[in-house]
Amino acid sequence: MAKALSLKMDAEVFQTTDKIVKRLKMARNAYINQAIRFYNRLYQRRLLAQELRKESRLVRSESQVVLEEFERLHEGLR
């Protein structure tokens, strides 16, 4: 379901948007929706990457311990 939104844009952003939608022969509303979907996906990925870096830092030392244990086991098998 679509929701109505009142939006104030900088004049420069509006003019650029208007030029682009005219060249694309696209409704301004569709263009803005597409742009926001893109921006949302971009920031979801950035937030996920940030979360993964944080989680990785939390388990880094434990992962190192496990790796060292595997290396000792591997050496024992030789």
PDB file of N, CA and C in Angstrom:
ATOM      1  N   MET A   1       0.841  -1.176   0.000  1.00  0.00           N
ATOM      2  CA  MET A   1       0.000   0.000   0.000  1.00  0.00           C
ATOM      3  C   MET A   1       0.889   1.242   0.000  1.00  0.00           C
ATOM      4  N   ALA A   2       0.601   2.160  -0.879  1.00  0.00           N
ATOM      5  CA  ALA A   2       1.391   3.389  -0.992  1.00  0.00           C
ATOM      6  C   ALA A   2       1.009   4.358   0.124  1.00  0.00           C
ATOM      7  N   LYS A   3       1.986   5.088   0.584  1.00  0.00           N
ATOM      8  CA  LYS A   3       1.791   6.099   1.618  1.00  0.00           C
ATOM      9  C   LYS A   3       2.122   7.459   1.024  1.00  0.00           C
ATOM     10  N   ALA A   4       1.339   8.457   1.390  1.00  0.00           N
ATOM     11  CA  ALA A   4       1.597   9.823   0.930  1.00  0.00           C
ATOM     12  C   ALA A   4       2.700  10.428   1.779  1.00  0.00           C
ATOM     13  N   LEU A   5       3.513  11.264   1.146  1.00  0.00           N
ATOM     14  CA  LEU A   5       4.644  11.866   1.834  1.00  0.00           C
ATOM     15  C   LEU A   5       4.827  13.286   1.330  1.00  0.00           C
ATOM     16  N   SER A   6       5.006  14.196   2.256  1.00  0.00           N
ATOM     17  CA  SER A   6       5.331  15.563   1.883  1.00  0.00           C
ATOM     18  C   SER A   6       6.846  15.683   1.973  1.00  0.00           C
ATOM     19  N   LEU A   7       7.458  16.183   0.918  1.00  0.00           N
ATOM     20  CA  LEU A   7       8.908  16.185   0.853  1.00  0.00           C
ATOM     21  C   LEU A   7       9.415  17.551   0.413  1.00  0.00           C
ATOM     22  N   LYS A   8      10.376  18.081   1.148  1.00  0.00           N
ATOM     23  CA  LYS A   8      11.031  19.317   0.744  1.00  0.00           C
ATOM     24  C   LYS A   8      12.418  18.952   0.263  1.00  0.00           C
ATOM     25  N   MET A   9      12.745  19.423  -0.940  1.00  0.00           N
ATOM     26  CA  MET A   9      14.032  19.121  -1.559  1.00  0.00           C
ATOM     27  C   MET A   9      14.791  20.409  -1.792  1.00  0.00           C
ATOM     28  N   ASP A  10      16.109  20.303  -1.707  1.00  0.00           N
ATOM     29  CA  ASP A  10      16.928  21.448  -2.110  1.00  0.00           C
ATOM     30  C   ASP A  10      16.619  21.746  -3.571  1.00  0.00           C
ATOM     31  N   ALA A  11      16.656  22.998  -3.919  1.00  0.00           N
ATOM     32  CA  ALA A  11      16.332  23.413  -5.285  1.00  0.00           C
ATOM     33  C   ALA A  11      17.232  22.714  -6.310  1.00  0.00           C
ATOM     34  N   GLU A  12      18.504  22.617  -6.007  1.00  0.00           N
ATOM     35  CA  GLU A  12      19.449  21.992  -6.933  1.00  0.00           C
ATOM     36  C   GLU A  12      19.127  20.509  -7.133  1.00  0.00           C
ATOM     37  N   VAL A  13      18.824  19.807  -6.054  1.00  0.00           N
ATOM     38  CA  VAL A  13      18.468  18.395  -6.139  1.00  0.00           C
ATOM     39  C   VAL A  13      17.188  18.241  -6.948  1.00  0.00           C
ATOM     40  N   PHE A  14      16.225  19.111  -6.710  1.00  0.00           N
ATOM     41  CA  PHE A  14      14.958  19.055  -7.438  1.00  0.00           C
ATOM     42  C   PHE A  14      15.174  19.270  -8.937  1.00  0.00           C
ATOM     43  N   GLN A  15      15.968  20.271  -9.284  1.00  0.00           N
ATOM     44  CA  GLN A  15      16.214  20.571 -10.698  1.00  0.00           C
ATOM     45  C   GLN A  15      16.918  19.413 -11.398  1.00  0.00           C
ATOM     46  N   THR A  16      17.915  18.854 -10.732  1.00  0.00           N
ATOM     47  CA  THR A  16      18.635  17.719 -11.309  1.00  0.00           C
ATOM     48  C   THR A  16      17.689  16.535 -11.489  1.00  0.00           C
ATOM     49  N   THR A  17      16.900  16.256 -10.476  1.00  0.00           N
ATOM     50  CA  THR A  17      15.928  15.167 -10.541  1.00  0.00           C
ATOM     51  C   THR A  17      14.947  15.392 -11.680  1.00  0.00           C
ATOM     52  N   ASP A  18      14.453  16.595 -11.785  1.00  0.00           N
ATOM     53  CA  ASP A  18      13.483  16.925 -12.832  1.00  0.00           C
ATOM     54  C   ASP A  18      14.073  16.704 -14.227  1.00  0.00           C
ATOM     55  N   LYS A  19      15.318  17.119 -14.424  1.00  0.00           N
ATOM     56  CA  LYS A  19      15.971  16.916 -15.720  1.00  0.00           C
ATOM     57  C   LYS A  19      16.105  15.429 -16.038  1.00  0.00           C
ATOM     58  N   ILE A  20      16.488  14.654 -15.040  1.00  0.00           N
ATOM     59  CA  ILE A  20      16.700  13.225 -15.257  1.00  0.00           C
ATOM     60  C   ILE A  20      15.389  12.515 -15.574  1.00  0.00           C
ATOM     61  N   VAL A  21      14.346  12.801 -14.798  1.00  0.00           N
ATOM     62  CA  VAL A  21      13.078  12.094 -15.044  1.00  0.00           C
ATOM     63  C   VAL A  21      12.489  12.458 -16.401  1.00  0.00           C
ATOM     64  N   LYS A  22      12.732  13.675 -16.846  1.00  0.00           N
ATOM     65  CA  LYS A  22      12.254  14.062 -18.177  1.00  0.00           C
ATOM     66  C   LYS A  22      13.001  13.296 -19.258  1.00  0.00           C
ATOM     67  N   ARG A  23      14.316  13.153 -19.104  1.00  0.00           N
ATOM     68  CA  ARG A  23      15.104  12.405 -20.102  1.00  0.00           C
ATOM     69  C   ARG A  23      14.744  10.927 -20.100  1.00  0.00           C
ATOM     70  N   LEU A  24      14.434  10.409 -18.924  1.00  0.00           N
ATOM     71  CA  LEU A  24      14.078   8.998 -18.810  1.00  0.00           C
ATOM     72  C   LEU A  24      12.602   8.737 -19.141  1.00  0.00           C
ATOM     73  N   LYS A  25      11.861   9.826 -19.263  1.00  0.00           N
ATOM     74  CA  LYS A  25      10.410   9.728 -19.475  1.00  0.00           C
ATOM     75  C   LYS A  25       9.789   8.849 -18.388  1.00  0.00           C
ATOM     76  N   MET A  26      10.097   9.241 -17.164  1.00  0.00           N
ATOM     77  CA  MET A  26       9.697   8.475 -15.986  1.00  0.00           C
ATOM     78  C   MET A  26       8.986   9.403 -15.014  1.00  0.00           C
ATOM     79  N   ALA A  27       8.026   8.898 -14.302  1.00  0.00           N
ATOM     80  CA  ALA A  27       7.346   9.714 -13.292  1.00  0.00           C
ATOM     81  C   ALA A  27       8.326  10.034 -12.159  1.00  0.00           C
ATOM     82  N   ARG A  28       8.267  11.248 -11.678  1.00  0.00           N
ATOM     83  CA  ARG A  28       9.160  11.674 -10.600  1.00  0.00           C
ATOM     84  C   ARG A  28       8.983  10.773  -9.381  1.00  0.00           C
ATOM     85  N   ASN A  29       7.750  10.450  -9.061  1.00  0.00           N
ATOM     86  CA  ASN A  29       7.452   9.594  -7.923  1.00  0.00           C
ATOM     87  C   ASN A  29       8.132   8.229  -8.072  1.00  0.00           C
ATOM     88  N   ALA A  30       8.050   7.631  -9.248  1.00  0.00           N
ATOM     89  CA  ALA A  30       8.679   6.326  -9.492  1.00  0.00           C
ATOM     90  C   ALA A  30      10.199   6.438  -9.359  1.00  0.00           C
ATOM     91  N   TYR A  31      10.757   7.520  -9.878  1.00  0.00           N
ATOM     92  CA  TYR A  31      12.203   7.739  -9.814  1.00  0.00           C
ATOM     93  C   TYR A  31      12.658   7.865  -8.358  1.00  0.00           C
ATOM     94  N   ILE A  32      11.940   8.645  -7.573  1.00  0.00           N
ATOM     95  CA  ILE A  32      12.303   8.846  -6.167  1.00  0.00           C
ATOM     96  C   ILE A  32      12.163   7.537  -5.393  1.00  0.00           C
ATOM     97  N   ASN A  33      11.100   6.775  -5.657  1.00  0.00           N
ATOM     98  CA  ASN A  33      10.938   5.475  -5.002  1.00  0.00           C
ATOM     99  C   ASN A  33      12.097   4.545  -5.335  1.00  0.00           C
ATOM    100  N   GLN A  34      12.483   4.529  -6.605  1.00  0.00           N
ATOM    101  CA  GLN A  34      13.595   3.687  -7.041  1.00  0.00           C
ATOM    102  C   GLN A  34      14.893   4.128  -6.360  1.00  0.00           C
ATOM    103  N   ALA A  35      15.107   5.419  -6.269  1.00  0.00           N
ATOM    104  CA  ALA A  35      16.318   5.948  -5.637  1.00  0.00           C
ATOM    105  C   ALA A  35      16.354   5.594  -4.150  1.00  0.00           C
ATOM    106  N   ILE A  36      15.229   5.694  -3.483  1.00  0.00           N
ATOM    107  CA  ILE A  36      15.187   5.378  -2.054  1.00  0.00           C
ATOM    108  C   ILE A  36      15.388   3.880  -1.834  1.00  0.00           C
ATOM    109  N   ARG A  37      14.805   3.044  -2.701  1.00  0.00           N
ATOM    110  CA  ARG A  37      15.030   1.599  -2.594  1.00  0.00           C
ATOM    111  C   ARG A  37      16.529   1.288  -2.721  1.00  0.00           C
ATOM    112  N   PHE A  38      17.183   1.920  -3.697  1.00  0.00           N
ATOM    113  CA  PHE A  38      18.621   1.723  -3.899  1.00  0.00           C
ATOM    114  C   PHE A  38      19.403   2.161  -2.655  1.00  0.00           C
ATOM    115  N   TYR A  39      19.090   3.336  -2.143  1.00  0.00           N
ATOM    116  CA  TYR A  39      19.780   3.893  -0.985  1.00  0.00           C
ATOM    117  C   TYR A  39      19.549   3.016   0.249  1.00  0.00           C
ATOM    118  N   ASN A  40      18.327   2.507   0.408  1.00  0.00           N
ATOM    119  CA  ASN A  40      18.035   1.610   1.528  1.00  0.00           C
ATOM    120  C   ASN A  40      18.865   0.339   1.440  1.00  0.00           C
ATOM    121  N   ARG A  41      18.961  -0.259   0.250  1.00  0.00           N
ATOM    122  CA  ARG A  41      19.772  -1.470   0.082  1.00  0.00           C
ATOM    123  C   ARG A  41      21.242  -1.182   0.382  1.00  0.00           C
ATOM    124  N   LEU A  42      21.721  -0.036  -0.091  1.00  0.00           N
ATOM    125  CA  LEU A  42      23.098   0.358   0.159  1.00  0.00           C
ATOM    126  C   LEU A  42      23.374   0.433   1.658  1.00  0.00           C
ATOM    127  N   TYR A  43      22.496   1.120   2.378  1.00  0.00           N
ATOM    128  CA  TYR A  43      22.717   1.274   3.813  1.00  0.00           C
ATOM    129  C   TYR A  43      22.459  -0.004   4.589  1.00  0.00           C
ATOM    130  N   GLN A  44      21.568  -0.866   4.129  1.00  0.00           N
ATOM    131  CA  GLN A  44      21.403  -2.169   4.779  1.00  0.00           C
ATOM    132  C   GLN A  44      22.695  -2.955   4.668  1.00  0.00           C
ATOM    133  N   ARG A  45      23.338  -2.910   3.498  1.00  0.00           N
ATOM    134  CA  ARG A  45      24.613  -3.614   3.318  1.00  0.00           C
ATOM    135  C   ARG A  45      25.700  -3.010   4.187  1.00  0.00           C
ATOM    136  N   ARG A  46      25.744  -1.692   4.252  1.00  0.00           N
ATOM    137  CA  ARG A  46      26.759  -1.040   5.094  1.00  0.00           C
ATOM    138  C   ARG A  46      26.560  -1.383   6.555  1.00  0.00           C
ATOM    139  N   LEU A  47      25.313  -1.380   7.008  1.00  0.00           N
ATOM    140  CA  LEU A  47      25.029  -1.713   8.401  1.00  0.00           C
ATOM    141  C   LEU A  47      25.368  -3.175   8.689  1.00  0.00           C
ATOM    142  N   LEU A  48      25.069  -4.061   7.749  1.00  0.00           N
ATOM    143  CA  LEU A  48      25.408  -5.465   7.910  1.00  0.00           C
ATOM    144  C   LEU A  48      26.926  -5.647   7.969  1.00  0.00           C
ATOM    145  N   ALA A  49      27.647  -4.971   7.102  1.00  0.00           N
ATOM    146  CA  ALA A  49      29.113  -5.057   7.108  1.00  0.00           C
ATOM    147  C   ALA A  49      29.665  -4.562   8.439  1.00  0.00           C
ATOM    148  N   GLN A  50      29.102  -3.492   8.941  1.00  0.00           N
ATOM    149  CA  GLN A  50      29.535  -2.941  10.227  1.00  0.00           C
ATOM    150  C   GLN A  50      29.271  -3.959  11.350  1.00  0.00           C
ATOM    151  N   GLU A  51      28.109  -4.582  11.318  1.00  0.00           N
ATOM    152  CA  GLU A  51      27.758  -5.581  12.321  1.00  0.00           C
ATOM    153  C   GLU A  51      28.672  -6.798  12.227  1.00  0.00           C
ATOM    154  N   LEU A  52      28.972  -7.233  11.007  1.00  0.00           N
ATOM    155  CA  LEU A  52      29.867  -8.376  10.829  1.00  0.00           C
ATOM    156  C   LEU A  52      31.279  -8.072  11.318  1.00  0.00           C
ATOM    157  N   ARG A  53      31.762  -6.844  11.077  1.00  0.00           N
ATOM    158  CA  ARG A  53      33.091  -6.461  11.579  1.00  0.00           C
ATOM    159  C   ARG A  53      33.101  -6.498  13.110  1.00  0.00           C
ATOM    160  N   LYS A  54      32.036  -5.993  13.712  1.00  0.00           N
ATOM    161  CA  LYS A  54      31.929  -5.981  15.177  1.00  0.00           C
ATOM    162  C   LYS A  54      31.929  -7.405  15.713  1.00  0.00           C
ATOM    163  N   GLU A  55      31.101  -8.283  15.137  1.00  0.00           N
ATOM    164  CA  GLU A  55      31.024  -9.674  15.570  1.00  0.00           C
ATOM    165  C   GLU A  55      32.360 -10.384  15.355  1.00  0.00           C
ATOM    166  N   SER A  56      33.019 -10.090  14.266  1.00  0.00           N
ATOM    167  CA  SER A  56      34.306 -10.705  13.972  1.00  0.00           C
ATOM    168  C   SER A  56      35.345 -10.319  15.024  1.00  0.00           C
ATOM    169  N   ARG A  57      35.337  -9.054  15.426  1.00  0.00           N
ATOM    170  CA  ARG A  57      36.268  -8.616  16.472  1.00  0.00           C
ATOM    171  C   ARG A  57      35.993  -9.351  17.782  1.00  0.00           C
ATOM    172  N   LEU A  58      34.715  -9.619  18.074  1.00  0.00           N
ATOM    173  CA  LEU A  58      34.359 -10.283  19.321  1.00  0.00           C
ATOM    174  C   LEU A  58      34.849 -11.734  19.375  1.00  0.00           C
ATOM    175  N   VAL A  59      34.910 -12.405  18.232  1.00  0.00           N
ATOM    176  CA  VAL A  59      35.302 -13.820  18.220  1.00  0.00           C
ATOM    177  C   VAL A  59      36.729 -14.034  17.713  1.00  0.00           C
ATOM    178  N   ARG A  60      37.430 -12.956  17.423  1.00  0.00           N
ATOM    179  CA  ARG A  60      38.769 -13.068  16.845  1.00  0.00           C
ATOM    180  C   ARG A  60      39.715 -13.913  17.702  1.00  0.00           C
ATOM    181  N   SER A  61      39.796 -13.620  18.987  1.00  0.00           N
ATOM    182  CA  SER A  61      40.754 -14.340  19.832  1.00  0.00           C
ATOM    183  C   SER A  61      40.368 -15.812  19.961  1.00  0.00           C
ATOM    184  N   GLU A  62      39.074 -16.110  20.094  1.00  0.00           N
ATOM    185  CA  GLU A  62      38.636 -17.501  20.171  1.00  0.00           C
ATOM    186  C   GLU A  62      38.927 -18.238  18.872  1.00  0.00           C
ATOM    187  N   SER A  63      38.734 -17.555  17.748  1.00  0.00           N
ATOM    188  CA  SER A  63      39.028 -18.173  16.452  1.00  0.00           C
ATOM    189  C   SER A  63      40.508 -18.494  16.334  1.00  0.00           C
ATOM    190  N   GLN A  64      41.345 -17.639  16.851  1.00  0.00           N
ATOM    191  CA  GLN A  64      42.791 -17.873  16.809  1.00  0.00           C
ATOM    192  C   GLN A  64      43.153 -19.107  17.632  1.00  0.00           C
ATOM    193  N   VAL A  65      42.521 -19.254  18.804  1.00  0.00           N
ATOM    194  CA  VAL A  65      42.775 -20.415  19.656  1.00  0.00           C
ATOM    195  C   VAL A  65      42.377 -21.700  18.923  1.00  0.00           C
ATOM    196  N   VAL A  66      41.211 -21.696  18.291  1.00  0.00           N
ATOM    197  CA  VAL A  66      40.733 -22.868  17.553  1.00  0.00           C
ATOM    198  C   VAL A  66      41.683 -23.182  16.395  1.00  0.00           C
ATOM    199  N   LEU A  67      42.113 -22.163  15.674  1.00  0.00           N
ATOM    200  CA  LEU A  67      43.050 -22.368  14.567  1.00  0.00           C
ATOM    201  C   LEU A  67      44.349 -23.005  15.054  1.00  0.00           C
ATOM    202  N   GLU A  68      44.862 -22.522  16.166  1.00  0.00           N
ATOM    203  CA  GLU A  68      46.097 -23.084  16.717  1.00  0.00           C
ATOM    204  C   GLU A  68      45.904 -24.547  17.119  1.00  0.00           C
ATOM    205  N   GLU A  69      44.727 -24.870  17.671  1.00  0.00           N
ATOM    206  CA  GLU A  69      44.447 -26.261  18.040  1.00  0.00           C
ATOM    207  C   GLU A  69      44.401 -27.150  16.798  1.00  0.00           C
ATOM    208  N   PHE A  70      43.761 -26.678  15.741  1.00  0.00           N
ATOM    209  CA  PHE A  70      43.719 -27.441  14.494  1.00  0.00           C
ATOM    210  C   PHE A  70      45.116 -27.635  13.918  1.00  0.00           C
ATOM    211  N   GLU A  71      45.948 -26.609  14.015  1.00  0.00           N
ATOM    212  CA  GLU A  71      47.316 -26.735  13.509  1.00  0.00           C
ATOM    213  C   GLU A  71      48.097 -27.784  14.295  1.00  0.00           C
ATOM    214  N   ARG A  72      47.912 -27.809  15.620  1.00  0.00           N
ATOM    215  CA  ARG A  72      48.596 -28.814  16.443  1.00  0.00           C
ATOM    216  C   ARG A  72      48.105 -30.223  16.088  1.00  0.00           C
ATOM    217  N   LEU A  73      46.791 -30.355  15.888  1.00  0.00           N
ATOM    218  CA  LEU A  73      46.243 -31.644  15.489  1.00  0.00           C
ATOM    219  C   LEU A  73      46.803 -32.082  14.147  1.00  0.00           C
ATOM    220  N   HIS A  74      46.862 -31.163  13.230  1.00  0.00           N
ATOM    221  CA  HIS A  74      47.378 -31.462  11.882  1.00  0.00           C
ATOM    222  C   HIS A  74      48.838 -31.894  11.972  1.00  0.00           C
ATOM    223  N   GLU A  75      49.612 -31.190  12.771  1.00  0.00           N
ATOM    224  CA  GLU A  75      51.032 -31.542  12.924  1.00  0.00           C
ATOM    225  C   GLU A  75      51.170 -32.922  13.566  1.00  0.00           C
ATOM    226  N   GLY A  76      50.258 -33.267  14.487  1.00  0.00           N
ATOM    227  CA  GLY A  76      50.295 -34.571  15.160  1.00  0.00           C
ATOM    228  C   GLY A  76      49.967 -35.707  14.227  1.00  0.00           C
ATOM    229  N   LEU A  77      49.260 -35.432  13.141  1.00  0.00           N
ATOM    230  CA  LEU A  77      48.902 -36.463  12.194  1.00  0.00           C
ATOM    231  C   LEU A  77      50.024 -36.777  11.209  1.00  0.00           C
ATOM    232  N   ARG A  78      51.004 -35.965  11.141  1.00  0.00           N
ATOM    233  CA  ARG A  78      52.106 -36.167  10.189  1.00  0.00           C
ATOM    234  C   ARG A  78      53.066 -37.199  10.657  1.00  0.00           C
TER     235      ARG A  78
END
